[in-house]
N, C-alpha and C. Protein backbone atom coordinates (compact mmCIF):
# COMPACT_ATOMS: atom_id res chain seq x y z
N MET A 1 1.78 -20.06 11.12
CA MET A 1 1.43 -18.66 11.16
C MET A 1 -0.07 -18.52 10.92
N ASN A 2 -0.69 -17.63 11.64
CA ASN A 2 -2.13 -17.41 11.55
C ASN A 2 -2.41 -16.35 10.49
N ASN A 3 -3.06 -16.73 9.40
CA ASN A 3 -3.41 -15.80 8.32
C ASN A 3 -4.90 -15.50 8.32
N LYS A 4 -5.49 -15.39 9.49
CA LYS A 4 -6.91 -15.12 9.61
C LYS A 4 -7.22 -13.74 9.03
N ARG A 5 -8.17 -13.70 8.11
CA ARG A 5 -8.55 -12.44 7.47
C ARG A 5 -9.50 -11.68 8.39
N ILE A 6 -9.36 -10.37 8.40
CA ILE A 6 -10.27 -9.51 9.16
C ILE A 6 -10.98 -8.64 8.14
N LEU A 7 -12.29 -8.82 8.03
CA LEU A 7 -13.07 -8.21 6.96
C LEU A 7 -12.93 -6.69 6.91
N TYR A 8 -13.04 -6.01 8.05
CA TYR A 8 -13.01 -4.55 8.01
C TYR A 8 -11.63 -4.03 7.58
N LEU A 9 -10.56 -4.76 7.89
CA LEU A 9 -9.24 -4.36 7.41
C LEU A 9 -9.12 -4.55 5.91
N ASP A 10 -9.71 -5.62 5.38
CA ASP A 10 -9.73 -5.83 3.93
C ASP A 10 -10.51 -4.73 3.23
N ILE A 11 -11.63 -4.33 3.81
CA ILE A 11 -12.44 -3.26 3.22
C ILE A 11 -11.67 -1.94 3.23
N ILE A 12 -11.01 -1.62 4.34
CA ILE A 12 -10.20 -0.40 4.41
C ILE A 12 -9.08 -0.45 3.38
N ASN A 13 -8.49 -1.60 3.18
CA ASN A 13 -7.42 -1.74 2.19
C ASN A 13 -7.94 -1.47 0.78
N VAL A 14 -9.09 -2.02 0.44
CA VAL A 14 -9.69 -1.81 -0.88
C VAL A 14 -10.03 -0.33 -1.07
N VAL A 15 -10.63 0.29 -0.06
CA VAL A 15 -10.97 1.71 -0.14
C VAL A 15 -9.71 2.55 -0.32
N SER A 16 -8.66 2.20 0.40
CA SER A 16 -7.39 2.94 0.29
C SER A 16 -6.80 2.81 -1.10
N CYS A 17 -6.78 1.62 -1.62
CA CYS A 17 -6.24 1.41 -2.98
C CYS A 17 -7.05 2.19 -4.01
N PHE A 18 -8.37 2.13 -3.91
CA PHE A 18 -9.22 2.86 -4.83
C PHE A 18 -8.99 4.37 -4.69
N SER A 19 -8.81 4.83 -3.46
CA SER A 19 -8.56 6.25 -3.21
C SER A 19 -7.26 6.72 -3.86
N VAL A 20 -6.22 5.92 -3.78
CA VAL A 20 -4.95 6.27 -4.42
C VAL A 20 -5.14 6.41 -5.93
N VAL A 21 -5.82 5.46 -6.53
CA VAL A 21 -6.06 5.52 -7.97
C VAL A 21 -6.87 6.76 -8.32
N ALA A 22 -7.93 7.04 -7.56
CA ALA A 22 -8.76 8.21 -7.83
C ALA A 22 -7.95 9.51 -7.73
N LEU A 23 -7.09 9.61 -6.74
CA LEU A 23 -6.28 10.82 -6.57
C LEU A 23 -5.25 10.98 -7.68
N HIS A 24 -4.72 9.85 -8.16
CA HIS A 24 -3.70 9.94 -9.20
C HIS A 24 -4.27 10.10 -10.60
N CYS A 25 -5.57 9.94 -10.74
CA CYS A 25 -6.18 10.09 -12.06
C CYS A 25 -6.26 11.54 -12.50
N ASP A 26 -6.23 12.47 -11.56
CA ASP A 26 -6.38 13.87 -11.92
C ASP A 26 -5.43 14.74 -11.11
N SER A 27 -4.29 15.02 -11.67
CA SER A 27 -3.33 15.87 -10.97
C SER A 27 -3.60 17.35 -11.21
N TYR A 28 -4.56 17.67 -12.06
CA TYR A 28 -4.85 19.08 -12.36
C TYR A 28 -5.61 19.78 -11.24
N ILE A 29 -5.99 19.05 -10.21
CA ILE A 29 -6.68 19.67 -9.08
C ILE A 29 -5.83 20.77 -8.46
N HIS A 30 -4.53 20.64 -8.55
CA HIS A 30 -3.62 21.60 -7.94
C HIS A 30 -3.35 22.81 -8.82
N GLN A 31 -4.00 22.85 -9.96
CA GLN A 31 -3.84 23.98 -10.88
C GLN A 31 -5.22 24.58 -11.16
N TYR A 32 -5.68 25.43 -10.26
CA TYR A 32 -7.01 26.01 -10.38
C TYR A 32 -7.10 26.91 -11.61
N ASN A 33 -8.16 26.73 -12.36
CA ASN A 33 -8.44 27.55 -13.53
C ASN A 33 -9.86 28.05 -13.39
N HIS A 34 -10.03 29.34 -13.17
CA HIS A 34 -11.37 29.89 -12.92
C HIS A 34 -12.31 29.71 -14.10
N ALA A 35 -11.78 29.51 -15.28
CA ALA A 35 -12.62 29.33 -16.46
C ALA A 35 -13.10 27.88 -16.62
N GLU A 36 -12.52 26.97 -15.88
CA GLU A 36 -12.89 25.56 -16.00
C GLU A 36 -14.22 25.31 -15.29
N THR A 37 -15.14 24.69 -16.00
CA THR A 37 -16.48 24.46 -15.48
C THR A 37 -16.53 23.38 -14.41
N TYR A 38 -15.73 22.33 -14.55
CA TYR A 38 -15.85 21.18 -13.68
C TYR A 38 -14.77 21.09 -12.61
N TRP A 39 -14.13 22.20 -12.28
CA TRP A 39 -13.10 22.14 -11.26
C TRP A 39 -13.70 21.71 -9.92
N TRP A 40 -14.92 22.09 -9.64
CA TRP A 40 -15.59 21.72 -8.39
C TRP A 40 -15.69 20.20 -8.26
N LEU A 41 -15.87 19.50 -9.39
CA LEU A 41 -15.94 18.04 -9.37
C LEU A 41 -14.58 17.45 -9.03
N ARG A 42 -13.53 18.03 -9.58
CA ARG A 42 -12.18 17.59 -9.24
C ARG A 42 -11.91 17.79 -7.75
N ALA A 43 -12.34 18.93 -7.23
CA ALA A 43 -12.15 19.21 -5.80
C ALA A 43 -12.94 18.21 -4.96
N LEU A 44 -14.14 17.88 -5.36
CA LEU A 44 -14.95 16.91 -4.63
C LEU A 44 -14.28 15.53 -4.60
N VAL A 45 -13.77 15.07 -5.73
CA VAL A 45 -13.07 13.78 -5.79
C VAL A 45 -11.86 13.82 -4.87
N ASN A 46 -11.12 14.91 -4.90
CA ASN A 46 -9.93 15.04 -4.05
C ASN A 46 -10.31 15.00 -2.58
N VAL A 47 -11.37 15.67 -2.20
CA VAL A 47 -11.79 15.68 -0.80
C VAL A 47 -12.29 14.30 -0.37
N LEU A 48 -13.06 13.63 -1.22
CA LEU A 48 -13.62 12.33 -0.87
C LEU A 48 -12.55 11.24 -0.72
N PHE A 49 -11.48 11.34 -1.50
CA PHE A 49 -10.49 10.27 -1.51
C PHE A 49 -9.15 10.67 -0.90
N TYR A 50 -9.10 11.80 -0.24
CA TYR A 50 -7.87 12.30 0.36
C TYR A 50 -7.38 11.41 1.51
N ASN A 51 -8.23 10.49 1.92
CA ASN A 51 -7.94 9.62 3.06
C ASN A 51 -6.99 8.47 2.76
N ALA A 52 -6.50 8.33 1.56
CA ALA A 52 -5.74 7.16 1.15
C ALA A 52 -4.54 6.88 2.04
N VAL A 53 -3.64 7.82 2.19
CA VAL A 53 -2.42 7.58 2.96
C VAL A 53 -2.71 7.41 4.45
N PRO A 54 -3.55 8.26 5.06
CA PRO A 54 -3.87 8.00 6.46
C PRO A 54 -4.47 6.62 6.70
N LEU A 55 -5.29 6.15 5.78
CA LEU A 55 -5.85 4.80 5.93
C LEU A 55 -4.76 3.74 5.85
N PHE A 56 -3.81 3.92 4.94
CA PHE A 56 -2.71 2.96 4.86
C PHE A 56 -1.87 2.96 6.14
N PHE A 57 -1.67 4.13 6.72
CA PHE A 57 -0.94 4.20 7.99
C PHE A 57 -1.72 3.49 9.10
N MET A 58 -3.03 3.69 9.13
CA MET A 58 -3.84 3.02 10.14
C MET A 58 -3.80 1.51 9.95
N LEU A 59 -3.84 1.06 8.70
CA LEU A 59 -3.73 -0.38 8.42
C LEU A 59 -2.39 -0.92 8.90
N SER A 60 -1.34 -0.18 8.63
CA SER A 60 -0.01 -0.62 9.09
C SER A 60 0.01 -0.75 10.60
N GLY A 61 -0.52 0.25 11.28
CA GLY A 61 -0.55 0.20 12.74
C GLY A 61 -1.39 -0.96 13.25
N ALA A 62 -2.56 -1.15 12.65
CA ALA A 62 -3.47 -2.21 13.11
C ALA A 62 -2.90 -3.61 12.86
N THR A 63 -2.21 -3.79 11.76
CA THR A 63 -1.71 -5.12 11.43
C THR A 63 -0.34 -5.41 12.07
N LEU A 64 0.38 -4.36 12.45
CA LEU A 64 1.72 -4.57 13.00
C LEU A 64 1.80 -4.43 14.52
N ILE A 65 0.77 -3.89 15.14
CA ILE A 65 0.84 -3.60 16.58
C ILE A 65 1.09 -4.87 17.40
N GLY A 66 0.66 -6.01 16.93
CA GLY A 66 0.88 -7.26 17.65
C GLY A 66 1.93 -8.14 17.00
N TYR A 67 2.88 -7.52 16.31
CA TYR A 67 3.89 -8.30 15.58
C TYR A 67 4.65 -9.26 16.49
N HIS A 68 4.86 -8.87 17.75
CA HIS A 68 5.66 -9.69 18.68
C HIS A 68 5.02 -11.05 18.97
N LYS A 69 3.75 -11.21 18.63
CA LYS A 69 3.09 -12.52 18.79
C LYS A 69 3.46 -13.46 17.63
N ARG A 70 3.92 -12.88 16.51
CA ARG A 70 4.26 -13.68 15.32
C ARG A 70 5.76 -13.89 15.16
N TYR A 71 6.56 -12.88 15.52
CA TYR A 71 8.00 -12.98 15.37
C TYR A 71 8.70 -11.96 16.25
N ASP A 72 10.00 -12.08 16.39
CA ASP A 72 10.75 -11.19 17.27
C ASP A 72 11.02 -9.85 16.57
N THR A 73 11.56 -8.91 17.33
CA THR A 73 11.78 -7.56 16.83
C THR A 73 12.82 -7.53 15.72
N LYS A 74 13.84 -8.37 15.82
CA LYS A 74 14.86 -8.42 14.76
C LYS A 74 14.24 -8.84 13.43
N THR A 75 13.37 -9.84 13.46
CA THR A 75 12.68 -10.29 12.25
C THR A 75 11.74 -9.20 11.74
N PHE A 76 11.07 -8.51 12.66
CA PHE A 76 10.19 -7.40 12.30
C PHE A 76 10.95 -6.36 11.47
N PHE A 77 12.12 -5.94 11.97
CA PHE A 77 12.89 -4.92 11.27
C PHE A 77 13.46 -5.45 9.95
N LYS A 78 13.87 -6.70 9.90
CA LYS A 78 14.37 -7.27 8.65
C LYS A 78 13.28 -7.23 7.58
N LYS A 79 12.05 -7.61 7.97
CA LYS A 79 10.93 -7.60 7.03
C LYS A 79 10.62 -6.18 6.55
N ARG A 80 10.60 -5.22 7.46
CA ARG A 80 10.30 -3.84 7.09
C ARG A 80 11.37 -3.26 6.17
N ILE A 81 12.63 -3.56 6.47
CA ILE A 81 13.72 -3.06 5.63
C ILE A 81 13.61 -3.65 4.23
N LYS A 82 13.36 -4.95 4.16
CA LYS A 82 13.26 -5.62 2.86
C LYS A 82 12.07 -5.08 2.05
N ARG A 83 10.95 -4.84 2.70
CA ARG A 83 9.72 -4.47 1.99
C ARG A 83 9.60 -2.97 1.72
N THR A 84 10.24 -2.12 2.51
CA THR A 84 10.05 -0.69 2.32
C THR A 84 11.34 0.10 2.15
N VAL A 85 12.34 -0.14 2.99
CA VAL A 85 13.56 0.66 2.92
C VAL A 85 14.33 0.37 1.63
N VAL A 86 14.47 -0.89 1.28
CA VAL A 86 15.21 -1.24 0.05
C VAL A 86 14.53 -0.65 -1.19
N PRO A 87 13.19 -0.82 -1.38
CA PRO A 87 12.57 -0.18 -2.54
C PRO A 87 12.67 1.35 -2.52
N PHE A 88 12.52 1.95 -1.32
CA PHE A 88 12.67 3.41 -1.21
C PHE A 88 14.06 3.84 -1.68
N LEU A 89 15.08 3.18 -1.19
CA LEU A 89 16.45 3.54 -1.58
C LEU A 89 16.70 3.30 -3.07
N PHE A 90 16.26 2.15 -3.56
CA PHE A 90 16.46 1.83 -4.98
C PHE A 90 15.83 2.90 -5.88
N TRP A 91 14.54 3.16 -5.67
CA TRP A 91 13.85 4.11 -6.55
C TRP A 91 14.28 5.55 -6.32
N SER A 92 14.65 5.87 -5.10
CA SER A 92 15.18 7.22 -4.84
C SER A 92 16.50 7.43 -5.57
N ILE A 93 17.34 6.41 -5.56
CA ILE A 93 18.62 6.52 -6.28
C ILE A 93 18.37 6.62 -7.79
N CYS A 94 17.43 5.82 -8.31
CA CYS A 94 17.11 5.88 -9.74
C CYS A 94 16.62 7.28 -10.13
N PHE A 95 15.67 7.82 -9.38
CA PHE A 95 15.14 9.15 -9.70
C PHE A 95 16.17 10.25 -9.48
N SER A 96 17.03 10.07 -8.49
CA SER A 96 18.09 11.05 -8.25
C SER A 96 19.09 11.05 -9.40
N LEU A 97 19.44 9.87 -9.89
CA LEU A 97 20.33 9.78 -11.05
C LEU A 97 19.69 10.42 -12.28
N LEU A 98 18.40 10.18 -12.46
CA LEU A 98 17.69 10.81 -13.57
C LEU A 98 17.73 12.33 -13.44
N TYR A 99 17.57 12.80 -12.22
CA TYR A 99 17.64 14.24 -11.97
C TYR A 99 19.02 14.78 -12.32
N VAL A 100 20.06 14.08 -11.90
CA VAL A 100 21.43 14.52 -12.20
C VAL A 100 21.65 14.55 -13.71
N ILE A 101 21.18 13.52 -14.40
CA ILE A 101 21.36 13.45 -15.86
C ILE A 101 20.63 14.59 -16.56
N THR A 102 19.40 14.85 -16.15
CA THR A 102 18.61 15.90 -16.82
C THR A 102 19.05 17.30 -16.43
N ARG A 103 19.66 17.45 -15.26
CA ARG A 103 20.10 18.77 -14.81
C ARG A 103 21.58 19.02 -15.06
N TYR A 104 22.27 18.05 -15.59
CA TYR A 104 23.72 18.17 -15.81
C TYR A 104 24.02 19.39 -16.68
N GLY A 105 24.85 20.25 -16.17
CA GLY A 105 25.23 21.45 -16.90
C GLY A 105 24.29 22.62 -16.69
N LYS A 106 23.12 22.38 -16.07
CA LYS A 106 22.15 23.46 -15.84
C LYS A 106 22.28 24.04 -14.44
N ASP A 107 22.65 23.23 -13.48
CA ASP A 107 22.85 23.67 -12.10
C ASP A 107 24.28 23.39 -11.72
N ASN A 108 24.75 24.11 -10.72
CA ASN A 108 26.08 23.73 -10.24
C ASN A 108 25.94 22.48 -9.37
N GLY A 109 27.01 21.78 -9.14
CA GLY A 109 26.99 20.51 -8.43
C GLY A 109 26.42 20.59 -7.04
N MET A 110 26.62 21.71 -6.34
CA MET A 110 26.14 21.84 -4.96
C MET A 110 24.61 21.89 -4.92
N ASP A 111 23.98 22.56 -5.88
CA ASP A 111 22.52 22.60 -5.91
C ASP A 111 21.94 21.20 -6.12
N ILE A 112 22.54 20.46 -7.02
CA ILE A 112 22.08 19.09 -7.28
C ILE A 112 22.25 18.24 -6.02
N LEU A 113 23.38 18.38 -5.36
CA LEU A 113 23.65 17.61 -4.15
C LEU A 113 22.64 17.95 -3.05
N LYS A 114 22.32 19.24 -2.90
CA LYS A 114 21.34 19.66 -1.89
C LYS A 114 19.97 19.04 -2.17
N VAL A 115 19.55 19.03 -3.42
CA VAL A 115 18.25 18.47 -3.78
C VAL A 115 18.22 16.97 -3.49
N ILE A 116 19.28 16.28 -3.84
CA ILE A 116 19.32 14.83 -3.65
C ILE A 116 19.37 14.46 -2.17
N VAL A 117 20.27 15.08 -1.41
CA VAL A 117 20.38 14.79 0.03
C VAL A 117 19.09 15.19 0.74
N GLY A 118 18.57 16.36 0.43
CA GLY A 118 17.31 16.79 1.03
C GLY A 118 16.17 15.86 0.68
N GLY A 119 16.18 15.33 -0.55
CA GLY A 119 15.15 14.40 -0.97
C GLY A 119 15.18 13.10 -0.19
N PHE A 120 16.37 12.60 0.10
CA PHE A 120 16.48 11.37 0.88
C PHE A 120 16.03 11.60 2.32
N ILE A 121 16.30 12.77 2.87
CA ILE A 121 15.94 13.05 4.26
C ILE A 121 14.44 13.26 4.42
N THR A 122 13.83 13.95 3.46
CA THR A 122 12.42 14.32 3.59
C THR A 122 11.47 13.45 2.79
N GLY A 123 12.00 12.68 1.85
CA GLY A 123 11.13 11.92 0.96
C GLY A 123 10.72 12.71 -0.27
N ASN A 124 11.19 13.94 -0.40
CA ASN A 124 10.89 14.76 -1.57
C ASN A 124 11.93 14.49 -2.66
N VAL A 125 11.92 13.26 -3.14
CA VAL A 125 12.86 12.81 -4.16
C VAL A 125 12.47 13.46 -5.49
N PRO A 126 13.46 13.91 -6.29
CA PRO A 126 13.11 14.52 -7.58
C PRO A 126 12.22 13.62 -8.44
N PHE A 127 11.27 14.23 -9.12
CA PHE A 127 10.34 13.59 -10.06
C PHE A 127 9.29 12.70 -9.40
N THR A 128 9.24 12.66 -8.11
CA THR A 128 8.25 11.80 -7.46
C THR A 128 7.93 12.33 -6.07
N THR A 129 6.96 11.74 -5.43
CA THR A 129 6.61 12.13 -4.07
C THR A 129 6.65 10.91 -3.18
N TYR A 130 7.71 10.80 -2.43
CA TYR A 130 7.88 9.70 -1.49
C TYR A 130 7.81 10.19 -0.05
N TRP A 131 7.14 11.30 0.18
CA TRP A 131 7.08 11.88 1.52
C TRP A 131 6.53 10.89 2.54
N PHE A 132 5.63 10.02 2.12
CA PHE A 132 4.97 9.10 3.05
C PHE A 132 5.91 8.05 3.62
N PHE A 133 7.06 7.81 2.96
CA PHE A 133 8.00 6.83 3.49
C PHE A 133 8.60 7.28 4.83
N ILE A 134 8.86 8.56 4.98
CA ILE A 134 9.53 9.05 6.19
C ILE A 134 8.65 8.81 7.42
N PRO A 135 7.37 9.22 7.42
CA PRO A 135 6.54 8.88 8.58
C PRO A 135 6.32 7.37 8.74
N LEU A 136 6.31 6.63 7.63
CA LEU A 136 6.17 5.18 7.72
C LEU A 136 7.38 4.57 8.42
N PHE A 137 8.58 5.04 8.08
CA PHE A 137 9.79 4.55 8.75
C PHE A 137 9.75 4.91 10.24
N LEU A 138 9.23 6.08 10.57
CA LEU A 138 9.10 6.46 11.98
C LEU A 138 8.11 5.54 12.70
N LEU A 139 7.02 5.21 12.03
CA LEU A 139 6.05 4.27 12.61
C LEU A 139 6.73 2.93 12.89
N TYR A 140 7.51 2.44 11.94
CA TYR A 140 8.22 1.18 12.14
C TYR A 140 9.20 1.29 13.30
N ALA A 141 9.90 2.41 13.40
CA ALA A 141 10.89 2.58 14.46
C ALA A 141 10.24 2.59 15.84
N PHE A 142 9.03 3.13 15.93
CA PHE A 142 8.35 3.21 17.22
C PHE A 142 7.47 2.00 17.53
N MET A 143 7.25 1.13 16.54
CA MET A 143 6.34 0.00 16.73
C MET A 143 6.71 -0.90 17.91
N PRO A 144 8.00 -1.21 18.15
CA PRO A 144 8.30 -2.03 19.33
C PRO A 144 7.83 -1.39 20.64
N PHE A 145 7.92 -0.08 20.72
CA PHE A 145 7.46 0.63 21.93
C PHE A 145 5.94 0.71 21.98
N LEU A 146 5.33 1.00 20.83
CA LEU A 146 3.87 1.10 20.77
C LEU A 146 3.21 -0.23 21.10
N SER A 147 3.77 -1.32 20.60
CA SER A 147 3.16 -2.63 20.86
C SER A 147 3.19 -2.97 22.34
N VAL A 148 4.24 -2.57 23.03
CA VAL A 148 4.31 -2.81 24.48
C VAL A 148 3.36 -1.86 25.21
N MET A 149 3.33 -0.60 24.78
CA MET A 149 2.46 0.39 25.44
C MET A 149 0.99 0.00 25.36
N VAL A 150 0.56 -0.43 24.18
CA VAL A 150 -0.85 -0.76 24.00
C VAL A 150 -1.26 -1.88 24.94
N GLY A 151 -0.38 -2.82 25.18
CA GLY A 151 -0.69 -3.92 26.09
C GLY A 151 -0.76 -3.50 27.55
N HIS A 152 -0.18 -2.36 27.90
CA HIS A 152 -0.12 -1.94 29.29
C HIS A 152 -0.92 -0.68 29.62
N LEU A 153 -1.40 0.01 28.62
CA LEU A 153 -2.20 1.21 28.86
C LEU A 153 -3.68 0.86 28.96
N SER A 154 -4.36 1.57 29.82
CA SER A 154 -5.82 1.38 29.91
C SER A 154 -6.46 2.03 28.69
N ASP A 155 -7.72 1.72 28.46
CA ASP A 155 -8.44 2.33 27.32
C ASP A 155 -8.45 3.85 27.45
N LYS A 156 -8.61 4.34 28.66
CA LYS A 156 -8.63 5.79 28.90
C LYS A 156 -7.27 6.42 28.56
N GLN A 157 -6.19 5.75 28.94
CA GLN A 157 -4.86 6.25 28.63
C GLN A 157 -4.58 6.22 27.13
N GLN A 158 -5.06 5.19 26.45
CA GLN A 158 -4.88 5.12 25.00
C GLN A 158 -5.64 6.25 24.32
N LEU A 159 -6.87 6.52 24.76
CA LEU A 159 -7.64 7.62 24.19
C LEU A 159 -6.96 8.97 24.45
N TYR A 160 -6.40 9.13 25.64
CA TYR A 160 -5.67 10.36 25.96
C TYR A 160 -4.48 10.52 25.02
N LEU A 161 -3.72 9.45 24.79
CA LEU A 161 -2.56 9.50 23.91
C LEU A 161 -2.97 9.83 22.48
N ILE A 162 -4.03 9.20 22.00
CA ILE A 162 -4.53 9.47 20.65
C ILE A 162 -4.97 10.93 20.54
N GLY A 163 -5.70 11.41 21.52
CA GLY A 163 -6.16 12.80 21.52
C GLY A 163 -5.00 13.78 21.55
N LEU A 164 -4.02 13.49 22.38
CA LEU A 164 -2.85 14.36 22.49
C LEU A 164 -2.08 14.41 21.17
N LEU A 165 -1.84 13.26 20.57
CA LEU A 165 -1.13 13.22 19.29
C LEU A 165 -1.92 13.92 18.19
N PHE A 166 -3.23 13.71 18.18
CA PHE A 166 -4.07 14.40 17.18
C PHE A 166 -3.98 15.90 17.37
N PHE A 167 -4.09 16.35 18.61
CA PHE A 167 -4.05 17.79 18.90
C PHE A 167 -2.71 18.39 18.47
N LEU A 168 -1.61 17.73 18.81
CA LEU A 168 -0.29 18.26 18.48
C LEU A 168 -0.03 18.25 16.97
N GLN A 169 -0.43 17.19 16.29
CA GLN A 169 -0.13 17.07 14.87
C GLN A 169 -1.15 17.78 13.99
N SER A 170 -2.43 17.68 14.32
CA SER A 170 -3.47 18.18 13.43
C SER A 170 -3.96 19.57 13.79
N CYS A 171 -3.69 20.04 14.98
CA CYS A 171 -4.16 21.36 15.38
C CYS A 171 -3.00 22.35 15.59
N ILE A 172 -2.08 21.99 16.45
CA ILE A 172 -0.99 22.90 16.79
C ILE A 172 -0.03 23.10 15.61
N ALA A 173 0.42 22.01 14.99
CA ALA A 173 1.40 22.13 13.90
C ALA A 173 0.90 23.01 12.75
N PRO A 174 -0.32 22.80 12.23
CA PRO A 174 -0.80 23.68 11.16
C PRO A 174 -0.99 25.12 11.63
N LEU A 175 -1.39 25.31 12.88
CA LEU A 175 -1.56 26.66 13.41
C LEU A 175 -0.22 27.39 13.44
N ILE A 176 0.80 26.74 13.94
CA ILE A 176 2.13 27.35 13.97
C ILE A 176 2.62 27.62 12.56
N GLN A 177 2.40 26.66 11.68
CA GLN A 177 2.85 26.82 10.30
C GLN A 177 2.16 28.01 9.65
N SER A 178 0.86 28.16 9.85
CA SER A 178 0.14 29.24 9.20
C SER A 178 0.48 30.60 9.78
N THR A 179 0.77 30.67 11.07
CA THR A 179 1.07 31.97 11.68
C THR A 179 2.51 32.41 11.46
N ASN A 180 3.41 31.47 11.31
CA ASN A 180 4.83 31.83 11.14
C ASN A 180 5.34 31.63 9.73
N ASN A 181 4.47 31.19 8.82
CA ASN A 181 4.88 30.90 7.46
C ASN A 181 6.09 29.96 7.42
N LEU A 182 6.07 28.97 8.29
CA LEU A 182 7.15 27.99 8.33
C LEU A 182 6.81 26.82 7.44
N SER A 183 7.82 26.19 6.91
CA SER A 183 7.61 24.98 6.12
C SER A 183 7.99 23.79 7.00
N TRP A 184 7.13 22.78 7.00
CA TRP A 184 7.38 21.58 7.82
C TRP A 184 8.20 20.56 7.06
N THR A 185 8.49 20.83 5.81
CA THR A 185 9.38 19.95 5.07
C THR A 185 10.70 20.67 4.89
N TRP A 186 11.78 19.94 5.07
CA TRP A 186 13.08 20.56 4.98
C TRP A 186 13.78 20.09 3.74
N VAL A 187 14.03 21.00 2.83
CA VAL A 187 14.85 20.73 1.66
C VAL A 187 15.89 21.84 1.64
N PRO A 188 17.18 21.50 1.70
CA PRO A 188 18.21 22.53 1.75
C PRO A 188 18.25 23.35 0.49
């Protein structure tokens, strides 16, 4: 197996890891207090390091797009399930059980069930934020198709696809959400 290091991917990985730590150091950014003198500094840190998850997704795409040169699709999915799906399920079940224990007697059973099932579907697991797993699983599901497409699309077609996806996800979706007051996350 070829373990050749690619410097710019290593740098992006380090920046991403540092960004995650920086974002998790101050959760008070989401609680604006007009009397607080340094809230602007918290906002600046949040803006500068908000790139953490998108960078991790780009790293996943860049390192996995040629997976078929290293192993077959069955092995690809076995590795992804072992490394991401199993931990997601394990920790989601742990946090869901904790939720049931702490909410026992406070909510009726149907409300608890809705929160847990909705959490597994959307990644909004009680007591944590696993939203990023759902798009990651979608990336894994589409990787066999993407890896073939990239090999057969011209540079112009790839740029068109990137532009189209950016426009639909980053421009149209927020516009629709803001005009219709719709939520893009589904929790029953």
